[in-house]
Amino acid sequence: MSRVTTVDKFAFSDDGRSTLGTGLSAATEGLSGAANSGTAAYFAGGYVSGNVTTVDKFAFSDDSRTTLGTGLSAATKESSGAANSGTAAYFGGGNVSAGNTDTVDKFAFSDDSRTTLSTGLSVARPYLAAAADSGTAAYFGGGYPTPATTVVDKIAFSDDSRTTLGTGLSTATYLLAGAADSGVL
């Protein structure tokens, strides 16, 4: 299987699929995504012929793609992303050339600028999942810091502080996915 630039779009109204005429800026694997609901989707990092810092932004109004001038703080693959809609996207964890990372980069939707959180994740790990309760917090769970982990970190949107949930996942897991019903689950 080869890497592709393809971006498929599913309409919530009828679950119909279309493929965007403009795909990713490079054929990439191991990238992560987050969205500013109603405005744009962001796809960050991944592996092209090595890890990359690239962040591609797709405007929902016309499906056009731009590549942000400021990418991730380090070339990273196998991270995960979540968003505080209307405010910022958070991309955390992953694998960099020196090994696993605990870095969390925040992209402000107002100007697409990047800051790197001083707290980071509690465990450096790739293959994790993320989900967000928009307006409240992002959750980064699981991953493979060797061996797999049950750790779930919570990044509070109010001040970007991190706490680690006492409960964690029921089973040590990696290569998982996350989703949220914002405000509920």
Protein backbone atom coordinates (compact mmCIF):
# COMPACT_ATOMS: atom_id res chain seq x y z
CA MET A 1 0.00 0.00 0.00
CA SER A 2 1.37 3.42 -0.88
CA ARG A 3 0.83 6.81 0.74
CA VAL A 4 -1.75 9.09 -0.90
CA THR A 5 -2.82 12.73 -0.85
CA THR A 6 -6.55 11.86 -1.00
CA VAL A 7 -9.04 13.65 1.25
CA ASP A 8 -12.59 12.24 1.31
CA LYS A 9 -15.48 14.35 2.58
CA PHE A 10 -18.67 12.84 4.05
CA ALA A 11 -21.81 14.99 4.10
CA PHE A 12 -23.66 14.58 7.42
CA SER A 13 -26.99 15.26 5.70
CA ASP A 14 -26.96 12.04 3.66
CA ASP A 15 -23.62 10.34 4.45
CA GLY A 16 -22.63 10.90 0.80
CA ARG A 17 -18.91 10.85 0.02
CA SER A 18 -16.99 13.13 -2.29
CA THR A 19 -13.25 13.35 -2.86
CA LEU A 20 -11.70 16.80 -2.71
CA GLY A 21 -9.99 18.04 -5.87
CA THR A 22 -7.14 19.37 -3.76
CA GLY A 23 -5.72 16.76 -1.42
CA LEU A 24 -2.96 16.92 1.14
CA SER A 25 0.17 18.88 0.20
CA ALA A 26 2.15 15.59 0.15
CA ALA A 27 1.36 11.87 0.19
CA THR A 28 1.44 11.27 3.94
CA GLU A 29 0.88 8.52 6.49
CA GLY A 30 0.65 8.69 10.28
CA LEU A 31 -0.82 12.21 10.45
CA SER A 32 -3.46 13.55 12.84
CA GLY A 33 -6.46 15.81 12.44
CA ALA A 34 -8.64 18.32 14.27
CA ALA A 35 -11.37 20.74 13.19
CA ASN A 36 -12.72 24.20 13.91
CA SER A 37 -16.40 23.32 13.46
CA GLY A 38 -17.97 25.28 10.63
CA THR A 39 -14.67 26.77 9.52
CA ALA A 40 -11.77 24.44 8.70
CA ALA A 41 -10.06 21.08 9.20
CA TYR A 42 -6.37 20.79 10.11
CA PHE A 43 -4.12 17.80 9.31
CA ALA A 44 -0.74 17.79 11.05
CA GLY A 45 2.58 15.97 10.86
CA GLY A 46 3.04 12.47 9.55
CA TYR A 47 5.58 10.65 7.47
CA VAL A 48 6.44 11.47 3.83
CA SER A 49 10.04 10.36 3.23
CA GLY A 50 10.74 11.17 6.87
CA ASN A 51 8.72 12.78 9.65
CA VAL A 52 7.31 16.23 8.77
CA THR A 53 6.12 19.37 10.57
CA THR A 54 3.52 20.21 7.90
CA VAL A 55 0.03 21.43 8.86
CA ASP A 56 -2.52 21.52 6.02
CA LYS A 57 -5.74 23.53 6.51
CA PHE A 58 -8.91 22.85 4.49
CA ALA A 59 -11.54 25.62 4.48
CA PHE A 60 -15.04 24.14 4.77
CA SER A 61 -16.54 26.97 2.69
CA ASP A 62 -14.86 25.87 -0.54
CA ASP A 63 -12.66 22.86 0.41
CA SER A 64 -9.52 24.80 -0.56
CA ARG A 65 -6.22 23.84 1.05
CA THR A 66 -3.52 26.07 2.46
CA THR A 67 -0.37 24.93 4.22
CA LEU A 68 0.37 26.88 7.39
CA GLY A 69 3.62 28.83 7.45
CA THR A 70 4.23 27.59 10.98
CA GLY A 71 4.08 23.83 11.34
CA LEU A 72 4.51 21.56 14.33
CA SER A 73 7.34 22.35 16.73
CA ALA A 74 9.09 19.10 15.69
CA ALA A 75 8.75 16.68 12.78
CA THR A 76 6.23 14.23 14.24
CA LYS A 77 4.27 11.19 13.11
CA GLU A 78 1.61 9.08 14.87
CA SER A 79 0.34 11.90 17.11
CA SER A 80 -3.30 12.71 17.81
CA GLY A 81 -5.40 15.87 17.56
CA ALA A 82 -8.41 17.45 19.26
CA ALA A 83 -9.99 20.89 19.08
CA ASN A 84 -11.69 23.53 21.17
CA SER A 85 -13.98 24.69 18.37
CA GLY A 86 -13.69 28.38 17.67
CA THR A 87 -10.49 28.65 19.68
CA ALA A 88 -7.64 26.22 18.96
CA ALA A 89 -6.45 22.79 17.79
CA TYR A 90 -4.18 20.66 19.98
CA PHE A 91 -1.79 18.05 18.52
CA GLY A 92 -0.10 15.84 21.10
CA GLY A 93 2.29 12.95 21.48
CA GLY A 94 3.71 10.97 18.60
CA ASN A 95 7.09 9.88 17.39
CA VAL A 96 9.99 12.19 16.50
CA SER A 97 13.40 11.19 15.14
CA ALA A 98 14.79 10.91 18.69
CA GLY A 99 11.95 8.62 19.88
CA ASN A 100 8.54 9.19 21.45
CA THR A 101 7.43 12.68 22.45
CA ASP A 102 5.13 14.18 25.09
CA THR A 103 4.87 17.54 23.27
CA VAL A 104 1.49 19.26 22.80
CA ASP A 105 1.31 22.00 20.14
CA LYS A 106 -1.61 24.44 20.15
CA PHE A 107 -2.74 26.27 16.99
CA ALA A 108 -4.94 29.33 17.57
CA PHE A 109 -7.76 29.43 15.02
CA SER A 110 -7.79 33.23 14.99
CA ASP A 111 -4.40 33.47 13.24
CA ASP A 112 -3.11 29.86 12.95
CA SER A 113 -0.18 30.71 15.24
CA ARG A 114 1.45 27.91 17.22
CA THR A 115 2.42 27.71 20.86
CA THR A 116 3.86 24.65 22.59
CA LEU A 117 2.33 23.85 25.97
CA SER A 118 4.80 23.81 28.85
CA THR A 119 2.99 20.90 30.50
CA GLY A 120 2.95 18.40 27.62
CA LEU A 121 1.58 14.90 28.17
CA SER A 122 2.43 12.85 31.27
CA VAL A 123 3.90 10.03 29.15
CA ALA A 124 5.75 10.37 25.81
CA ARG A 125 3.87 8.13 23.39
CA PRO A 126 2.76 7.58 19.78
CA TYR A 127 -0.38 5.76 18.58
CA LEU A 128 -2.66 7.51 21.07
CA ALA A 129 -6.21 8.83 20.60
CA ALA A 130 -7.71 12.21 21.38
CA ALA A 131 -11.18 13.70 21.74
CA ALA A 132 -12.48 17.01 23.08
CA ASP A 133 -15.35 18.47 25.03
CA SER A 134 -15.38 21.79 23.16
CA GLY A 135 -15.10 24.69 25.58
CA THR A 136 -13.83 22.45 28.38
CA ALA A 137 -10.93 20.06 27.71
CA ALA A 138 -9.06 17.73 25.36
CA TYR A 139 -8.39 14.13 26.37
CA PHE A 140 -5.35 12.16 25.11
CA GLY A 141 -5.52 8.45 25.92
CA GLY A 142 -3.67 5.20 25.41
CA GLY A 143 -0.68 4.90 23.16
CA TYR A 144 2.49 2.88 22.95
CA PRO A 145 5.33 4.08 25.15
CA THR A 146 6.47 0.41 25.27
CA PRO A 147 4.38 -1.32 26.41
CA ALA A 148 0.88 0.03 25.70
CA THR A 149 -0.61 2.28 28.37
CA THR A 150 -3.96 3.02 30.04
CA VAL A 151 -3.01 6.68 30.73
CA VAL A 152 -5.55 9.42 29.90
CA ASP A 153 -4.34 13.02 30.11
CA LYS A 154 -6.78 15.95 30.25
CA ILE A 155 -5.76 19.38 28.93
CA ALA A 156 -8.07 22.08 30.34
CA PHE A 157 -8.86 24.70 27.69
CA SER A 158 -9.21 27.48 30.27
CA ASP A 159 -5.49 27.51 31.12
CA ASP A 160 -3.90 24.63 29.12
CA SER A 161 -3.05 22.80 32.35
CA ARG A 162 -2.74 19.02 32.35
CA THR A 163 -4.13 16.49 34.78
CA THR A 164 -3.96 12.73 34.46
CA LEU A 165 -7.20 10.87 35.12
CA GLY A 166 -7.10 8.44 38.03
CA THR A 167 -9.28 5.95 36.18
CA GLY A 168 -7.51 5.72 32.80
CA LEU A 169 -8.54 3.24 30.11
CA SER A 170 -9.87 -0.19 31.12
CA THR A 171 -7.16 -1.91 29.06
CA ALA A 172 -3.69 -0.83 27.95
CA THR A 173 -4.31 0.08 24.31
CA TYR A 174 -2.62 1.66 21.31
CA LEU A 175 -3.62 2.34 17.68
CA LEU A 176 -7.03 3.41 18.97
CA ALA A 177 -9.42 6.22 17.99
CA GLY A 178 -11.39 8.78 19.97
CA ALA A 179 -14.66 10.64 19.52
CA ALA A 180 -16.86 12.79 21.75
CA ASP A 181 -20.42 14.02 22.14
CA SER A 182 -19.33 17.48 23.29
CA GLY A 183 -20.80 18.34 26.69
CA VAL A 184 -22.01 14.77 27.31
CA LEU A 185 -19.44 11.96 26.76
